[in-house]
Amino acid sequence: MAVPKRKVSRARRDKRRSSVWKLVAPELVKCPQCGELKMPHRVCKHCGYYDGKDILKKQA
């Protein structure tokens, strides 16, 4: 039966359990048109602008 030859050090154990596997929240930036928070390099869902151009026409 396989048994560990010696104790795994705290540094090696903690390196394995580190934050490599943890999820990170997406970065958000303010839209220059409306000031709503949006993901970078995406069309703003609130006003429909991207790079100073009206991409999505909002229905009234």
N, C-alpha and C. Protein backbone atom coordinates (compact mmCIF):
# COMPACT_ATOMS: atom_id res chain seq x y z
N MET A 1 0.85 -1.18 0.00
CA MET A 1 0.00 0.00 0.00
C MET A 1 0.89 1.24 0.00
N ALA A 2 0.55 2.24 -0.79
CA ALA A 2 1.37 3.46 -0.90
C ALA A 2 1.19 4.33 0.33
N VAL A 3 2.31 4.69 0.94
CA VAL A 3 2.32 5.53 2.13
C VAL A 3 3.32 6.64 1.90
N PRO A 4 3.01 7.90 2.28
CA PRO A 4 3.97 8.97 2.11
C PRO A 4 5.27 8.69 2.86
N LYS A 5 6.41 8.91 2.20
CA LYS A 5 7.71 8.62 2.82
C LYS A 5 8.02 9.58 3.96
N ARG A 6 7.68 10.88 3.77
CA ARG A 6 7.89 11.85 4.86
C ARG A 6 6.82 12.93 4.81
N LYS A 7 6.73 13.66 5.91
CA LYS A 7 5.71 14.69 6.07
C LYS A 7 5.86 15.78 5.01
N VAL A 8 4.73 16.22 4.46
CA VAL A 8 4.74 17.33 3.51
C VAL A 8 4.86 18.62 4.32
N SER A 9 5.82 19.48 3.96
CA SER A 9 6.05 20.71 4.72
C SER A 9 4.86 21.66 4.61
N ARG A 10 4.75 22.56 5.57
CA ARG A 10 3.66 23.54 5.55
C ARG A 10 3.75 24.41 4.31
N ALA A 11 4.95 24.78 3.90
CA ALA A 11 5.11 25.64 2.71
C ALA A 11 4.61 24.93 1.46
N ARG A 12 4.97 23.68 1.30
CA ARG A 12 4.55 22.93 0.12
C ARG A 12 3.04 22.69 0.14
N ARG A 13 2.51 22.36 1.33
CA ARG A 13 1.07 22.13 1.48
C ARG A 13 0.29 23.42 1.19
N ASP A 14 0.73 24.54 1.76
CA ASP A 14 0.03 25.81 1.58
C ASP A 14 0.14 26.33 0.16
N LYS A 15 1.27 26.04 -0.50
CA LYS A 15 1.43 26.44 -1.89
C LYS A 15 0.38 25.72 -2.75
N ARG A 16 0.13 24.48 -2.44
CA ARG A 16 -0.86 23.70 -3.17
C ARG A 16 -2.27 24.22 -2.91
N ARG A 17 -2.53 24.65 -1.70
CA ARG A 17 -3.86 25.14 -1.32
C ARG A 17 -4.02 26.64 -1.55
N SER A 18 -3.10 27.25 -2.24
CA SER A 18 -3.10 28.71 -2.39
C SER A 18 -4.29 29.19 -3.21
N SER A 19 -4.30 30.46 -3.49
CA SER A 19 -5.44 31.08 -4.17
C SER A 19 -5.44 30.85 -5.68
N VAL A 20 -4.68 29.89 -6.16
CA VAL A 20 -4.66 29.60 -7.59
C VAL A 20 -6.04 29.18 -8.07
N TRP A 21 -6.79 28.48 -7.23
CA TRP A 21 -8.08 27.92 -7.63
C TRP A 21 -9.24 28.84 -7.31
N LYS A 22 -9.01 29.96 -6.65
CA LYS A 22 -10.11 30.82 -6.26
C LYS A 22 -10.54 31.72 -7.42
N LEU A 23 -11.82 31.96 -7.53
CA LEU A 23 -12.35 32.83 -8.57
C LEU A 23 -12.11 34.29 -8.21
N VAL A 24 -11.97 35.12 -9.22
CA VAL A 24 -11.80 36.56 -9.00
C VAL A 24 -13.01 37.28 -9.60
N ALA A 25 -13.39 38.36 -8.97
CA ALA A 25 -14.51 39.15 -9.47
C ALA A 25 -14.10 39.87 -10.75
N PRO A 26 -15.02 40.02 -11.71
CA PRO A 26 -14.66 40.72 -12.95
C PRO A 26 -14.40 42.20 -12.69
N GLU A 27 -13.46 42.76 -13.43
CA GLU A 27 -13.14 44.17 -13.30
C GLU A 27 -14.27 45.00 -13.92
N LEU A 28 -14.61 46.09 -13.28
CA LEU A 28 -15.66 46.96 -13.78
C LEU A 28 -15.11 48.37 -13.96
N VAL A 29 -15.56 49.06 -15.01
CA VAL A 29 -15.17 50.44 -15.27
C VAL A 29 -16.44 51.26 -15.47
N LYS A 30 -16.33 52.57 -15.27
CA LYS A 30 -17.48 53.45 -15.48
C LYS A 30 -17.62 53.77 -16.96
N CYS A 31 -18.85 53.73 -17.43
CA CYS A 31 -19.14 54.09 -18.82
C CYS A 31 -18.94 55.60 -18.96
N PRO A 32 -18.18 56.06 -19.97
CA PRO A 32 -17.97 57.50 -20.13
C PRO A 32 -19.23 58.26 -20.53
N GLN A 33 -20.22 57.56 -21.09
CA GLN A 33 -21.46 58.23 -21.52
C GLN A 33 -22.44 58.41 -20.37
N CYS A 34 -22.76 57.30 -19.68
CA CYS A 34 -23.82 57.37 -18.66
C CYS A 34 -23.30 57.19 -17.23
N GLY A 35 -22.07 56.73 -17.06
CA GLY A 35 -21.51 56.57 -15.73
C GLY A 35 -21.86 55.25 -15.07
N GLU A 36 -22.59 54.38 -15.77
CA GLU A 36 -22.96 53.07 -15.23
C GLU A 36 -21.74 52.15 -15.25
N LEU A 37 -21.65 51.22 -14.30
CA LEU A 37 -20.54 50.28 -14.28
C LEU A 37 -20.75 49.22 -15.35
N LYS A 38 -19.66 48.91 -16.08
CA LYS A 38 -19.71 47.90 -17.13
C LYS A 38 -18.36 47.21 -17.21
N MET A 39 -18.32 46.08 -17.90
CA MET A 39 -17.06 45.39 -18.10
C MET A 39 -16.28 46.10 -19.20
N PRO A 40 -14.94 46.16 -19.08
CA PRO A 40 -14.16 46.88 -20.09
C PRO A 40 -14.24 46.21 -21.46
N HIS A 41 -14.15 47.00 -22.51
CA HIS A 41 -14.16 46.55 -23.90
C HIS A 41 -15.47 45.86 -24.26
N ARG A 42 -16.58 46.29 -23.65
CA ARG A 42 -17.90 45.76 -23.96
C ARG A 42 -18.85 46.93 -24.20
N VAL A 43 -19.92 46.69 -24.93
CA VAL A 43 -20.96 47.69 -25.13
C VAL A 43 -21.70 47.88 -23.80
N CYS A 44 -21.98 49.12 -23.46
CA CYS A 44 -22.72 49.40 -22.22
C CYS A 44 -24.16 48.94 -22.40
N LYS A 45 -24.63 48.10 -21.47
CA LYS A 45 -26.00 47.59 -21.56
C LYS A 45 -27.03 48.66 -21.21
N HIS A 46 -26.58 49.67 -20.49
CA HIS A 46 -27.52 50.71 -20.04
C HIS A 46 -27.80 51.72 -21.15
N CYS A 47 -26.75 52.24 -21.79
CA CYS A 47 -26.96 53.28 -22.81
C CYS A 47 -26.67 52.81 -24.24
N GLY A 48 -25.97 51.69 -24.42
CA GLY A 48 -25.72 51.15 -25.75
C GLY A 48 -24.53 51.76 -26.46
N TYR A 49 -23.67 52.49 -25.76
CA TYR A 49 -22.51 53.11 -26.39
C TYR A 49 -21.27 52.25 -26.21
N TYR A 50 -20.38 52.31 -27.22
CA TYR A 50 -19.06 51.69 -27.14
C TYR A 50 -18.10 52.56 -27.92
N ASP A 51 -17.01 52.96 -27.31
CA ASP A 51 -15.97 53.77 -27.94
C ASP A 51 -16.54 55.07 -28.50
N GLY A 52 -17.50 55.66 -27.79
CA GLY A 52 -18.07 56.94 -28.19
C GLY A 52 -19.09 56.86 -29.31
N LYS A 53 -19.43 55.62 -29.72
CA LYS A 53 -20.40 55.44 -30.81
C LYS A 53 -21.63 54.74 -30.29
N ASP A 54 -22.81 55.12 -30.82
CA ASP A 54 -24.06 54.51 -30.43
C ASP A 54 -24.20 53.19 -31.18
N ILE A 55 -23.99 52.07 -30.48
CA ILE A 55 -24.02 50.75 -31.12
C ILE A 55 -25.41 50.14 -31.04
N LEU A 56 -26.00 50.15 -29.85
CA LEU A 56 -27.33 49.57 -29.67
C LEU A 56 -28.36 50.69 -29.58
N LYS A 57 -29.31 50.66 -30.47
CA LYS A 57 -30.38 51.64 -30.45
C LYS A 57 -31.40 51.20 -29.42
N LYS A 58 -31.71 52.05 -28.45
CA LYS A 58 -32.66 51.73 -27.39
C LYS A 58 -34.09 51.95 -27.88
N GLN A 59 -34.96 50.97 -27.60
CA GLN A 59 -36.37 51.09 -27.96
C GLN A 59 -37.10 51.89 -26.89
N ALA A 60 -37.97 52.77 -27.29
CA ALA A 60 -38.72 53.60 -26.33
C ALA A 60 -39.93 52.87 -25.80
